[in-house]
Amino acid sequence: MIVAVTFDFWETLVHDTPENLERGRAMRLEATAGILAAAGRPHPMATLDEAYERSGAEMRERFWSAHRDASIRDQVRLFLNCIAAGLGDRLAPDVFEAAVVAYASPVLHVPPALNAGAAEAIRRLAGRGVRLGIVSNTGRTPGSVLRRVLERHDLLRYFSAVSYSDEVRVRKPSAEIFERTLRALQSPAARTVHVGDNPHDDVRGAKGCGMRAAHYTSNGAPPSPEADVVVTDLADLPDALDSRGAPGP
């Protein structure tokens, strides 16, 4: 019997658009340029643009490729140091904190859309007494902000364990991020299903630590042969899990 379900966040509970991503990038750079100029440390926008790309490449090389992650403050410090060597350490604390807020918050102004069926699935599963969690990698937007996105949809309250990679410093498909969440949920792996869109990070990652896996394939991707359940609409998830022994209403 399934007693807990964990969800990926990006492209599972929500989806974003290239336009939103570009607007978020522009907001980060423009806000950072204004903060630095006001602090007497102006830099050309071209320098910030190049630093943004270089800091992303360094994050991938130093952390993400090894399934590790950095805190949002460490990521912003890396970005600032790519603008000018040592810049992140030379800023006054209040200026640095303003830069962190500017870097972290664009998603609140250009929010991703909730995927069809996500709210229904969450509420139905919670109504059956299934414990719910989130296991998700983050990028430029930290878990603290993604919580606020869920709050806006009145969904955060349903999750009793939330593991975002920038907070736990581990990324999927590492078993560690799944195992931390299972401990917080007090749920055995064999009785927990993880739901996600990525066949490697979500399906193989969950299966690698003994969990069951549901592959969400709304984008037309081929279903993972390793998945226990495949759904194209999250509204179908509770019934699909019923057929696998999930608790009934």
Protein backbone atom coordinates (compact mmCIF):
# COMPACT_ATOMS: atom_id res chain seq x y z
CA MET A 1 0.00 0.00 0.00
CA ILE A 2 1.32 3.44 -0.95
CA VAL A 3 1.55 5.70 2.10
CA ALA A 4 3.45 8.68 0.64
CA VAL A 5 3.96 10.45 -2.68
CA THR A 6 6.71 12.91 -3.56
CA PHE A 7 6.62 15.32 -6.49
CA ASP A 8 9.20 17.01 -8.65
CA PHE A 9 8.50 20.77 -8.97
CA TRP A 10 9.69 22.09 -12.35
CA GLU A 11 7.87 20.67 -15.38
CA THR A 12 5.84 18.41 -13.11
CA LEU A 13 3.80 20.59 -10.76
CA VAL A 14 4.47 23.72 -12.84
CA HIS A 15 5.75 24.60 -16.29
CA ASP A 16 7.53 27.69 -17.56
CA THR A 17 7.97 29.31 -20.97
CA PRO A 18 11.09 30.52 -22.81
CA GLU A 19 9.59 34.02 -22.68
CA ASN A 20 9.28 33.86 -18.89
CA LEU A 21 12.84 32.60 -18.54
CA GLU A 22 14.17 35.45 -20.68
CA ARG A 23 12.16 38.03 -18.74
CA GLY A 24 13.46 36.59 -15.48
CA ARG A 25 17.04 36.83 -16.74
CA ALA A 26 16.53 40.46 -17.77
CA MET A 27 15.01 41.30 -14.39
CA ARG A 28 17.99 39.77 -12.55
CA LEU A 29 20.53 41.66 -14.60
CA GLU A 30 18.73 45.01 -14.55
CA ALA A 31 18.11 44.86 -10.79
CA THR A 32 21.71 43.85 -10.08
CA ALA A 33 23.02 46.67 -12.29
CA GLY A 34 20.90 49.17 -10.35
CA ILE A 35 22.01 47.85 -6.96
CA LEU A 36 25.69 47.99 -7.91
CA ALA A 37 25.37 51.47 -9.41
CA ALA A 38 23.63 52.76 -6.27
CA ALA A 39 26.47 51.28 -4.18
CA GLY A 40 29.06 53.14 -6.25
CA ARG A 41 30.21 50.03 -8.14
CA PRO A 42 28.67 50.41 -11.61
CA HIS A 43 29.35 47.83 -14.31
CA PRO A 44 28.24 47.71 -17.95
CA MET A 45 25.30 45.48 -18.75
CA ALA A 46 27.50 43.51 -21.16
CA THR A 47 29.77 42.60 -18.24
CA LEU A 48 26.80 41.40 -16.18
CA ASP A 49 25.47 39.41 -19.12
CA GLU A 50 28.78 37.62 -19.61
CA ALA A 51 29.09 37.01 -15.85
CA TYR A 52 25.61 35.50 -15.76
CA GLU A 53 26.56 32.97 -18.42
CA ARG A 54 29.94 32.22 -16.84
CA SER A 55 28.48 31.76 -13.35
CA GLY A 56 25.92 29.33 -14.77
CA ALA A 57 28.67 27.33 -16.45
CA GLU A 58 30.65 27.27 -13.21
CA MET A 59 27.61 26.10 -11.25
CA ARG A 60 27.18 23.24 -13.69
CA GLU A 61 30.85 22.30 -13.60
CA ARG A 62 31.51 22.71 -9.87
CA PHE A 63 28.21 21.51 -8.43
CA TRP A 64 25.44 20.27 -10.69
CA SER A 65 27.51 17.80 -12.71
CA ALA A 66 28.43 16.09 -9.43
CA HIS A 67 24.79 16.09 -8.21
CA ARG A 68 25.63 18.70 -5.56
CA ASP A 69 24.30 22.22 -5.10
CA ALA A 70 25.12 25.58 -3.55
CA SER A 71 23.01 27.85 -1.40
CA ILE A 72 21.39 30.84 -3.08
CA ARG A 73 23.84 33.17 -1.31
CA ASP A 74 26.81 31.19 -2.55
CA GLN A 75 25.37 31.23 -6.07
CA VAL A 76 24.90 35.01 -5.96
CA ARG A 77 28.42 35.46 -4.59
CA LEU A 78 29.74 33.40 -7.50
CA PHE A 79 27.77 35.58 -9.96
CA LEU A 80 29.12 38.79 -8.40
CA ASN A 81 32.67 37.45 -8.42
CA CYS A 82 32.26 36.70 -12.12
CA ILE A 83 31.40 40.38 -12.62
CA ALA A 84 34.59 41.44 -10.82
CA ALA A 85 37.02 39.37 -8.78
CA GLY A 86 36.13 39.52 -5.09
CA LEU A 87 33.10 41.75 -5.66
CA GLY A 88 30.78 39.54 -3.64
CA ASP A 89 33.01 39.85 -0.58
CA ARG A 90 33.57 43.61 -0.92
CA LEU A 91 29.90 44.63 -0.90
CA ALA A 92 28.35 45.88 2.33
CA PRO A 93 26.07 43.24 3.93
CA ASP A 94 22.87 45.16 3.13
CA VAL A 95 23.91 45.61 -0.50
CA PHE A 96 24.75 41.92 -0.81
CA GLU A 97 21.37 40.95 0.67
CA ALA A 98 19.62 43.26 -1.80
CA ALA A 99 21.48 41.49 -4.62
CA VAL A 100 20.34 38.11 -3.28
CA VAL A 101 16.70 39.22 -3.23
CA ALA A 102 16.97 40.67 -6.76
CA TYR A 103 18.53 37.46 -8.07
CA ALA A 104 16.13 35.09 -6.33
CA SER A 105 12.76 36.73 -6.84
CA PRO A 106 11.93 37.17 -10.58
CA VAL A 107 9.73 34.05 -10.54
CA LEU A 108 7.36 35.91 -8.22
CA HIS A 109 6.84 38.54 -10.95
CA VAL A 110 6.81 36.17 -13.95
CA PRO A 111 5.43 33.01 -12.33
CA PRO A 112 5.28 29.58 -13.94
CA ALA A 113 1.87 28.10 -14.65
CA LEU A 114 0.45 25.30 -12.53
CA ASN A 115 0.16 22.14 -14.61
CA ALA A 116 -3.31 20.81 -15.37
CA GLY A 117 -4.49 18.37 -12.76
CA ALA A 118 -1.74 19.20 -10.25
CA ALA A 119 -3.96 20.81 -7.64
CA GLU A 120 -6.61 18.10 -8.01
CA ALA A 121 -4.05 15.31 -7.59
CA ILE A 122 -2.49 16.92 -4.52
CA ARG A 123 -5.81 17.53 -2.79
CA ARG A 124 -7.22 14.10 -3.58
CA LEU A 125 -4.11 12.30 -2.35
CA ALA A 126 -3.94 14.41 0.81
CA GLY A 127 -7.64 13.73 1.40
CA ARG A 128 -6.91 10.00 1.42
CA GLY A 129 -4.29 10.42 4.12
CA VAL A 130 -1.31 10.02 1.78
CA ARG A 131 1.72 11.94 3.07
CA LEU A 132 3.10 14.34 0.46
CA GLY A 133 6.57 15.69 -0.22
CA ILE A 134 8.60 17.55 -2.83
CA VAL A 135 11.98 16.43 -4.16
CA SER A 136 13.24 18.96 -6.69
CA ASN A 137 16.40 20.39 -8.16
CA THR A 138 16.64 24.16 -8.35
CA GLY A 139 18.48 26.48 -10.71
CA ARG A 140 18.58 30.27 -10.40
CA THR A 141 15.46 30.32 -8.20
CA PRO A 142 15.83 29.00 -4.64
CA GLY A 143 13.45 26.77 -2.74
CA SER A 144 12.44 29.63 -0.45
CA VAL A 145 10.86 31.39 -3.44
CA LEU A 146 9.35 28.21 -4.91
CA ARG A 147 7.54 27.70 -1.61
CA ARG A 148 5.89 31.06 -2.13
CA VAL A 149 4.75 29.98 -5.61
CA LEU A 150 3.00 26.98 -4.04
CA GLU A 151 1.53 29.20 -1.31
CA ARG A 152 -0.08 31.39 -3.97
CA HIS A 153 -1.95 28.31 -5.20
CA ASP A 154 -2.80 27.29 -1.61
CA LEU A 155 -0.87 24.04 -2.07
CA LEU A 156 2.18 24.32 0.17
CA ARG A 157 0.16 23.36 3.23
CA TYR A 158 -0.36 19.85 1.85
CA PHE A 159 3.36 19.01 1.86
CA SER A 160 4.90 17.76 5.08
CA ALA A 161 8.42 17.37 3.64
CA VAL A 162 10.06 19.65 1.08
CA SER A 163 13.58 19.03 -0.29
CA TYR A 164 14.93 21.66 -2.68
CA SER A 165 18.48 21.05 -3.83
CA ASP A 166 19.84 24.52 -2.97
CA GLU A 167 18.72 23.97 0.63
CA VAL A 168 19.89 20.37 1.12
CA ARG A 169 22.96 20.84 -1.17
CA VAL A 170 22.26 17.58 -3.04
CA ARG A 171 20.63 17.12 -6.45
CA LYS A 172 18.68 14.34 -8.08
CA PRO A 173 19.37 11.64 -9.15
CA SER A 174 21.47 11.25 -5.98
CA ALA A 175 19.78 8.87 -3.55
CA GLU A 176 20.61 11.24 -0.70
CA ILE A 177 17.95 13.84 -1.56
CA PHE A 178 15.27 11.14 -1.83
CA GLU A 179 16.38 9.46 1.39
CA ARG A 180 16.32 12.74 3.33
CA THR A 181 12.73 13.26 2.19
CA LEU A 182 11.70 9.72 3.10
CA ARG A 183 13.07 10.23 6.61
CA ALA A 184 11.16 13.49 6.96
CA LEU A 185 7.97 11.78 5.75
CA GLN A 186 8.67 8.76 7.99
CA SER A 187 7.81 6.62 5.01
CA PRO A 188 9.53 3.43 3.79
CA ALA A 189 10.91 3.71 0.26
CA ALA A 190 8.97 0.68 -1.00
CA ARG A 191 5.67 2.31 0.00
CA THR A 192 6.45 5.71 -1.52
CA VAL A 193 5.98 6.88 -5.12
CA HIS A 194 7.97 9.72 -6.66
CA VAL A 195 6.32 11.62 -9.54
CA GLY A 196 8.39 13.50 -12.10
CA ASP A 197 8.94 14.30 -15.76
CA ASN A 198 12.63 13.37 -16.05
CA PRO A 199 13.28 9.67 -16.79
CA HIS A 200 16.82 9.89 -15.40
CA ASP A 201 16.62 12.27 -12.43
CA ASP A 202 13.11 11.35 -11.33
CA VAL A 203 12.38 7.79 -12.44
CA ARG A 204 15.83 6.24 -12.24
CA GLY A 205 16.77 8.34 -9.22
CA ALA A 206 13.74 7.20 -7.23
CA LYS A 207 14.05 3.59 -8.30
CA GLY A 208 17.72 3.65 -7.33
CA CYS A 209 16.85 4.10 -3.66
CA GLY A 210 14.00 1.58 -3.62
CA MET A 211 11.05 3.90 -4.27
CA ARG A 212 8.37 3.40 -6.88
CA ALA A 213 8.25 5.92 -9.72
CA ALA A 214 5.51 7.59 -11.74
CA HIS A 215 6.63 9.16 -15.02
CA TYR A 216 4.69 12.31 -15.97
CA THR A 217 4.82 12.65 -19.77
CA SER A 218 2.54 15.53 -20.72
CA ASN A 219 5.21 16.95 -23.07
CA GLY A 220 4.91 14.01 -25.45
CA ALA A 221 8.11 12.37 -24.25
CA PRO A 222 8.26 8.58 -24.53
CA PRO A 223 7.39 6.82 -21.25
CA SER A 224 10.24 5.43 -19.22
CA PRO A 225 10.32 1.63 -19.32
CA GLU A 226 11.55 1.74 -15.71
CA ALA A 227 8.48 3.57 -14.39
CA ASP A 228 5.87 1.75 -12.33
CA VAL A 229 3.16 4.19 -13.48
CA VAL A 230 2.92 6.55 -16.46
CA VAL A 231 0.49 9.49 -16.52
CA THR A 232 -0.06 12.23 -19.08
CA ASP A 233 -2.46 14.17 -16.83
CA LEU A 234 -1.77 14.58 -13.12
CA ALA A 235 -5.50 14.41 -12.45
CA ASP A 236 -5.24 10.71 -13.34
CA LEU A 237 -2.50 10.05 -10.79
CA PRO A 238 -4.67 9.16 -7.75
CA ASP A 239 -6.62 6.55 -9.74
CA ALA A 240 -3.44 5.18 -11.29
CA LEU A 241 -1.97 4.74 -7.81
CA ASP A 242 -5.22 3.13 -6.62
CA SER A 243 -4.59 0.34 -9.08
CA ARG A 244 -1.17 -0.09 -7.45
CA GLY A 245 -2.54 -0.36 -3.94
CA ALA A 246 -2.78 3.24 -2.77
CA PRO A 247 -5.20 3.99 0.07
CA GLY A 248 -8.75 4.63 -1.02
CA PRO A 249 -10.88 7.65 -0.12
